[in-house]
Amino acid sequence: MELQGKIKTIGETQTYGTFQKREFILTTADQYPQDIQLELHQDKVDLINSYKVGDDIKVSINIRGKEWINPEGVAKYFNSIVGWRIEKAEETPQQEPAQPIMNEQQDDLPF
């Protein structure tokens, strides 16, 4: 699966024992843009180093889920979106919407 958008923020690498992760926010270019938090783990934390805030990128992702049982015994679920490849997004040229070509013969209005 892939996500494409503009880098909004890039966090610092966080280390927990031998585990490393780095978070960044990607703003999609959809009709209703979404700010999506993604993570890079272990040897992938440096993938974002060659990019900066404002760059358009495409990220190959995996979606991960984890169950956690709280002290009251209730199950809680957490999801994360983990990137494993980042590349510069190819810019798609914006095209003008096609304008219908109308002539008098095509117009079936009575006036």
N, C-alpha and C. Protein backbone atom coordinates (compact mmCIF):
# COMPACT_ATOMS: atom_id res chain seq x y z
N MET A 1 0.85 -1.17 0.00
CA MET A 1 0.00 0.00 0.00
C MET A 1 0.89 1.23 0.00
N GLU A 2 0.40 2.32 -0.59
CA GLU A 2 1.19 3.55 -0.64
C GLU A 2 0.34 4.75 -0.25
N LEU A 3 1.01 5.73 0.32
CA LEU A 3 0.42 7.04 0.59
C LEU A 3 1.27 8.08 -0.11
N GLN A 4 0.62 9.13 -0.59
CA GLN A 4 1.35 10.21 -1.25
C GLN A 4 0.88 11.54 -0.69
N GLY A 5 1.84 12.45 -0.51
CA GLY A 5 1.49 13.76 -0.01
C GLY A 5 2.72 14.60 0.26
N LYS A 6 2.51 15.66 1.01
CA LYS A 6 3.55 16.64 1.32
C LYS A 6 3.96 16.47 2.79
N ILE A 7 5.27 16.47 3.04
CA ILE A 7 5.77 16.34 4.41
C ILE A 7 5.40 17.59 5.19
N LYS A 8 4.70 17.41 6.31
CA LYS A 8 4.31 18.53 7.17
C LYS A 8 5.30 18.71 8.31
N THR A 9 5.69 17.62 8.97
CA THR A 9 6.68 17.68 10.05
C THR A 9 7.53 16.41 10.02
N ILE A 10 8.74 16.52 10.55
CA ILE A 10 9.62 15.37 10.70
C ILE A 10 10.13 15.39 12.14
N GLY A 11 9.88 14.31 12.86
CA GLY A 11 10.32 14.22 14.26
C GLY A 11 11.73 13.68 14.37
N GLU A 12 12.25 13.74 15.58
CA GLU A 12 13.57 13.19 15.88
C GLU A 12 13.45 11.68 16.11
N THR A 13 14.56 10.99 15.94
CA THR A 13 14.59 9.56 16.22
C THR A 13 14.47 9.34 17.72
N GLN A 14 13.59 8.42 18.12
CA GLN A 14 13.38 8.06 19.52
C GLN A 14 13.91 6.64 19.73
N THR A 15 14.63 6.45 20.82
CA THR A 15 15.21 5.14 21.12
C THR A 15 14.65 4.61 22.43
N TYR A 16 14.19 3.36 22.40
CA TYR A 16 13.66 2.67 23.57
C TYR A 16 14.44 1.36 23.69
N GLY A 17 15.50 1.35 24.48
CA GLY A 17 16.36 0.17 24.56
C GLY A 17 17.04 -0.03 23.22
N THR A 18 16.75 -1.15 22.56
CA THR A 18 17.34 -1.41 21.24
C THR A 18 16.40 -1.04 20.09
N PHE A 19 15.19 -0.58 20.43
CA PHE A 19 14.20 -0.24 19.41
C PHE A 19 14.28 1.25 19.07
N GLN A 20 14.27 1.57 17.77
CA GLN A 20 14.28 2.96 17.33
C GLN A 20 13.05 3.22 16.46
N LYS A 21 12.50 4.43 16.60
CA LYS A 21 11.42 4.84 15.72
C LYS A 21 11.51 6.34 15.48
N ARG A 22 10.93 6.75 14.36
CA ARG A 22 10.90 8.17 13.99
C ARG A 22 9.53 8.43 13.37
N GLU A 23 8.89 9.49 13.82
CA GLU A 23 7.56 9.83 13.32
C GLU A 23 7.62 11.04 12.40
N PHE A 24 6.72 11.06 11.42
CA PHE A 24 6.56 12.24 10.58
C PHE A 24 5.10 12.33 10.15
N ILE A 25 4.70 13.54 9.75
CA ILE A 25 3.32 13.78 9.34
C ILE A 25 3.31 14.05 7.84
N LEU A 26 2.41 13.37 7.16
CA LEU A 26 2.23 13.53 5.72
C LEU A 26 0.84 14.10 5.47
N THR A 27 0.75 15.20 4.73
CA THR A 27 -0.54 15.80 4.38
C THR A 27 -0.91 15.34 2.98
N THR A 28 -2.01 14.63 2.86
CA THR A 28 -2.43 14.11 1.56
C THR A 28 -2.94 15.25 0.68
N ALA A 29 -2.98 15.00 -0.62
CA ALA A 29 -3.43 16.01 -1.57
C ALA A 29 -4.84 15.68 -2.06
N ASP A 30 -5.62 15.05 -1.24
CA ASP A 30 -6.99 14.69 -1.59
C ASP A 30 -7.88 15.93 -1.61
N GLN A 31 -9.13 15.73 -2.06
CA GLN A 31 -10.09 16.83 -2.03
C GLN A 31 -10.22 17.37 -0.61
N TYR A 32 -10.20 16.47 0.38
CA TYR A 32 -10.23 16.85 1.78
C TYR A 32 -8.92 16.35 2.39
N PRO A 33 -7.85 17.17 2.37
CA PRO A 33 -6.52 16.73 2.82
C PRO A 33 -6.55 16.21 4.25
N GLN A 34 -5.78 15.16 4.47
CA GLN A 34 -5.67 14.53 5.78
C GLN A 34 -4.23 14.59 6.25
N ASP A 35 -4.02 14.86 7.52
CA ASP A 35 -2.69 14.80 8.13
C ASP A 35 -2.54 13.41 8.72
N ILE A 36 -1.64 12.61 8.15
CA ILE A 36 -1.46 11.22 8.54
C ILE A 36 -0.12 11.08 9.26
N GLN A 37 -0.13 10.51 10.47
CA GLN A 37 1.11 10.25 11.19
C GLN A 37 1.66 8.90 10.76
N LEU A 38 2.92 8.89 10.33
CA LEU A 38 3.59 7.66 9.95
C LEU A 38 4.81 7.45 10.82
N GLU A 39 5.25 6.20 10.90
CA GLU A 39 6.43 5.86 11.68
C GLU A 39 7.44 5.14 10.80
N LEU A 40 8.70 5.33 11.11
CA LEU A 40 9.79 4.55 10.52
C LEU A 40 10.45 3.82 11.67
N HIS A 41 10.75 2.52 11.49
CA HIS A 41 11.31 1.71 12.57
C HIS A 41 12.71 1.20 12.23
N GLN A 42 13.51 1.04 13.27
CA GLN A 42 14.82 0.40 13.23
C GLN A 42 15.71 0.98 12.13
N ASP A 43 16.15 0.14 11.17
CA ASP A 43 17.08 0.59 10.14
C ASP A 43 16.43 1.51 9.12
N LYS A 44 15.13 1.74 9.21
CA LYS A 44 14.43 2.62 8.26
C LYS A 44 14.31 4.07 8.75
N VAL A 45 14.75 4.37 9.98
CA VAL A 45 14.57 5.72 10.53
C VAL A 45 15.31 6.78 9.71
N ASP A 46 16.36 6.38 8.99
CA ASP A 46 17.13 7.36 8.22
C ASP A 46 16.58 7.58 6.81
N LEU A 47 15.54 6.85 6.41
CA LEU A 47 14.98 7.01 5.06
C LEU A 47 14.52 8.44 4.79
N ILE A 48 14.10 9.16 5.81
CA ILE A 48 13.55 10.50 5.66
C ILE A 48 14.63 11.57 5.62
N ASN A 49 15.88 11.20 5.92
CA ASN A 49 16.97 12.18 6.02
C ASN A 49 17.18 13.01 4.75
N SER A 50 16.93 12.44 3.58
CA SER A 50 17.19 13.17 2.34
C SER A 50 15.99 14.02 1.89
N TYR A 51 14.99 14.14 2.75
CA TYR A 51 13.81 14.94 2.45
C TYR A 51 13.63 16.01 3.51
N LYS A 52 12.84 17.04 3.14
CA LYS A 52 12.61 18.14 4.08
C LYS A 52 11.12 18.47 4.10
N VAL A 53 10.72 19.23 5.10
CA VAL A 53 9.33 19.69 5.20
C VAL A 53 8.95 20.40 3.91
N GLY A 54 7.80 20.06 3.37
CA GLY A 54 7.32 20.65 2.13
C GLY A 54 7.54 19.78 0.90
N ASP A 55 8.40 18.76 1.01
CA ASP A 55 8.65 17.87 -0.13
C ASP A 55 7.45 16.97 -0.38
N ASP A 56 7.18 16.71 -1.67
CA ASP A 56 6.15 15.76 -2.06
C ASP A 56 6.79 14.38 -2.16
N ILE A 57 6.23 13.42 -1.42
CA ILE A 57 6.80 12.07 -1.39
C ILE A 57 5.72 11.01 -1.54
N LYS A 58 6.18 9.81 -1.87
CA LYS A 58 5.32 8.62 -1.89
C LYS A 58 5.94 7.64 -0.91
N VAL A 59 5.13 7.12 0.01
CA VAL A 59 5.62 6.23 1.06
C VAL A 59 4.94 4.87 0.93
N SER A 60 5.73 3.82 0.83
CA SER A 60 5.20 2.46 0.88
C SER A 60 5.02 2.10 2.35
N ILE A 61 3.83 1.58 2.70
CA ILE A 61 3.50 1.40 4.11
C ILE A 61 2.96 0.01 4.42
N ASN A 62 3.04 -0.34 5.69
CA ASN A 62 2.33 -1.48 6.28
C ASN A 62 1.51 -0.92 7.42
N ILE A 63 0.33 -1.48 7.63
CA ILE A 63 -0.51 -1.09 8.75
C ILE A 63 -0.36 -2.16 9.82
N ARG A 64 -0.03 -1.72 11.03
CA ARG A 64 0.18 -2.64 12.15
C ARG A 64 -0.87 -2.39 13.22
N GLY A 65 -1.26 -3.43 13.92
CA GLY A 65 -2.22 -3.32 15.01
C GLY A 65 -1.75 -4.13 16.21
N LYS A 66 -2.12 -3.67 17.39
CA LYS A 66 -1.69 -4.35 18.62
C LYS A 66 -2.80 -4.27 19.66
N GLU A 67 -3.01 -5.37 20.35
CA GLU A 67 -3.96 -5.41 21.45
C GLU A 67 -3.21 -5.18 22.77
N TRP A 68 -3.85 -4.42 23.66
CA TRP A 68 -3.29 -4.19 24.99
C TRP A 68 -4.43 -4.34 25.99
N ILE A 69 -4.21 -5.10 27.02
CA ILE A 69 -5.21 -5.27 28.07
C ILE A 69 -4.87 -4.32 29.21
N ASN A 70 -5.77 -3.37 29.51
CA ASN A 70 -5.50 -2.40 30.56
C ASN A 70 -5.65 -3.04 31.94
N PRO A 71 -5.26 -2.33 33.00
CA PRO A 71 -5.32 -2.91 34.36
C PRO A 71 -6.73 -3.37 34.78
N GLU A 72 -7.75 -2.80 34.18
CA GLU A 72 -9.12 -3.22 34.50
C GLU A 72 -9.53 -4.45 33.69
N GLY A 73 -8.65 -4.95 32.84
CA GLY A 73 -8.94 -6.13 32.04
C GLY A 73 -9.65 -5.86 30.73
N VAL A 74 -9.75 -4.59 30.35
CA VAL A 74 -10.43 -4.22 29.11
C VAL A 74 -9.41 -4.16 27.97
N ALA A 75 -9.74 -4.78 26.85
CA ALA A 75 -8.85 -4.77 25.69
C ALA A 75 -8.91 -3.42 24.98
N LYS A 76 -7.76 -2.88 24.67
CA LYS A 76 -7.63 -1.66 23.87
C LYS A 76 -6.80 -2.02 22.65
N TYR A 77 -7.07 -1.36 21.55
CA TYR A 77 -6.37 -1.65 20.30
C TYR A 77 -5.69 -0.40 19.77
N PHE A 78 -4.48 -0.57 19.29
CA PHE A 78 -3.69 0.52 18.76
C PHE A 78 -3.24 0.17 17.36
N ASN A 79 -3.27 1.16 16.47
CA ASN A 79 -2.83 0.97 15.09
C ASN A 79 -1.68 1.91 14.80
N SER A 80 -0.79 1.49 13.93
CA SER A 80 0.27 2.38 13.47
C SER A 80 0.49 2.14 11.99
N ILE A 81 0.92 3.17 11.31
CA ILE A 81 1.24 3.10 9.89
C ILE A 81 2.75 3.21 9.79
N VAL A 82 3.37 2.14 9.31
CA VAL A 82 4.82 2.04 9.31
C VAL A 82 5.35 2.10 7.88
N GLY A 83 6.18 3.10 7.59
CA GLY A 83 6.78 3.23 6.27
C GLY A 83 8.00 2.34 6.14
N TRP A 84 8.22 1.82 4.93
CA TRP A 84 9.39 0.99 4.68
C TRP A 84 10.14 1.41 3.41
N ARG A 85 9.55 2.32 2.64
CA ARG A 85 10.25 2.90 1.49
C ARG A 85 9.68 4.30 1.25
N ILE A 86 10.57 5.25 0.93
CA ILE A 86 10.16 6.62 0.62
C ILE A 86 10.82 7.01 -0.69
N GLU A 87 10.04 7.63 -1.56
CA GLU A 87 10.60 8.14 -2.80
C GLU A 87 9.93 9.46 -3.16
N LYS A 88 10.63 10.24 -3.95
CA LYS A 88 10.08 11.53 -4.40
C LYS A 88 8.85 11.23 -5.25
N ALA A 89 7.78 11.96 -4.99
CA ALA A 89 6.54 11.77 -5.74
C ALA A 89 6.69 12.36 -7.12
N GLU A 90 6.17 11.65 -8.09
CA GLU A 90 6.15 12.18 -9.45
C GLU A 90 5.01 13.17 -9.52
N GLU A 91 5.33 14.34 -10.01
CA GLU A 91 4.28 15.35 -10.11
C GLU A 91 3.42 15.06 -11.32
N THR A 92 2.13 15.04 -11.09
CA THR A 92 1.20 14.83 -12.18
C THR A 92 0.71 16.19 -12.65
N PRO A 93 0.80 16.44 -13.96
CA PRO A 93 0.38 17.76 -14.45
C PRO A 93 -1.12 17.96 -14.24
N GLN A 94 -1.46 19.14 -13.78
CA GLN A 94 -2.86 19.48 -13.59
C GLN A 94 -3.47 19.80 -14.95
N GLN A 95 -4.54 19.13 -15.31
CA GLN A 95 -5.18 19.37 -16.59
C GLN A 95 -6.44 20.17 -16.36
N GLU A 96 -6.72 21.02 -17.33
CA GLU A 96 -7.96 21.78 -17.29
C GLU A 96 -9.12 20.81 -17.52
N PRO A 97 -10.22 20.98 -16.81
CA PRO A 97 -11.36 20.12 -17.07
C PRO A 97 -11.84 20.30 -18.50
N ALA A 98 -12.24 19.22 -19.13
CA ALA A 98 -12.71 19.29 -20.52
C ALA A 98 -13.99 20.11 -20.59
N GLN A 99 -14.03 21.02 -21.54
CA GLN A 99 -15.22 21.84 -21.76
C GLN A 99 -16.04 21.20 -22.87
N PRO A 100 -17.32 21.01 -22.63
CA PRO A 100 -18.14 20.41 -23.69
C PRO A 100 -18.23 21.34 -24.89
N ILE A 101 -18.19 20.76 -26.06
CA ILE A 101 -18.32 21.53 -27.29
C ILE A 101 -19.79 21.46 -27.69
N MET A 102 -20.40 22.62 -27.73
CA MET A 102 -21.83 22.66 -28.03
C MET A 102 -22.02 23.40 -29.35
N ASN A 103 -22.92 22.92 -30.14
CA ASN A 103 -23.35 23.68 -31.31
C ASN A 103 -24.87 23.63 -31.34
N GLU A 104 -25.44 24.34 -32.27
CA GLU A 104 -26.90 24.45 -32.28
C GLU A 104 -27.57 23.11 -32.53
N GLN A 105 -26.93 22.22 -33.27
CA GLN A 105 -27.55 20.93 -33.56
C GLN A 105 -27.59 20.03 -32.32
N GLN A 106 -26.63 20.20 -31.40
CA GLN A 106 -26.60 19.37 -30.21
C GLN A 106 -27.56 19.88 -29.13
N ASP A 107 -27.95 21.14 -29.24
CA ASP A 107 -28.78 21.75 -28.20
C ASP A 107 -30.24 21.34 -28.44
N ASP A 108 -30.81 20.56 -27.52
CA ASP A 108 -32.20 20.12 -27.68
C ASP A 108 -33.17 20.97 -26.85
N LEU A 109 -32.70 22.10 -26.34
CA LEU A 109 -33.60 22.99 -25.60
C LEU A 109 -34.53 23.71 -26.57
N PRO A 110 -35.80 23.91 -26.20
CA PRO A 110 -36.76 24.51 -27.12
C PRO A 110 -36.63 26.02 -27.29
N PHE A 111 -35.68 26.66 -26.65
CA PHE A 111 -35.58 28.12 -26.78
C PHE A 111 -34.18 28.53 -27.13
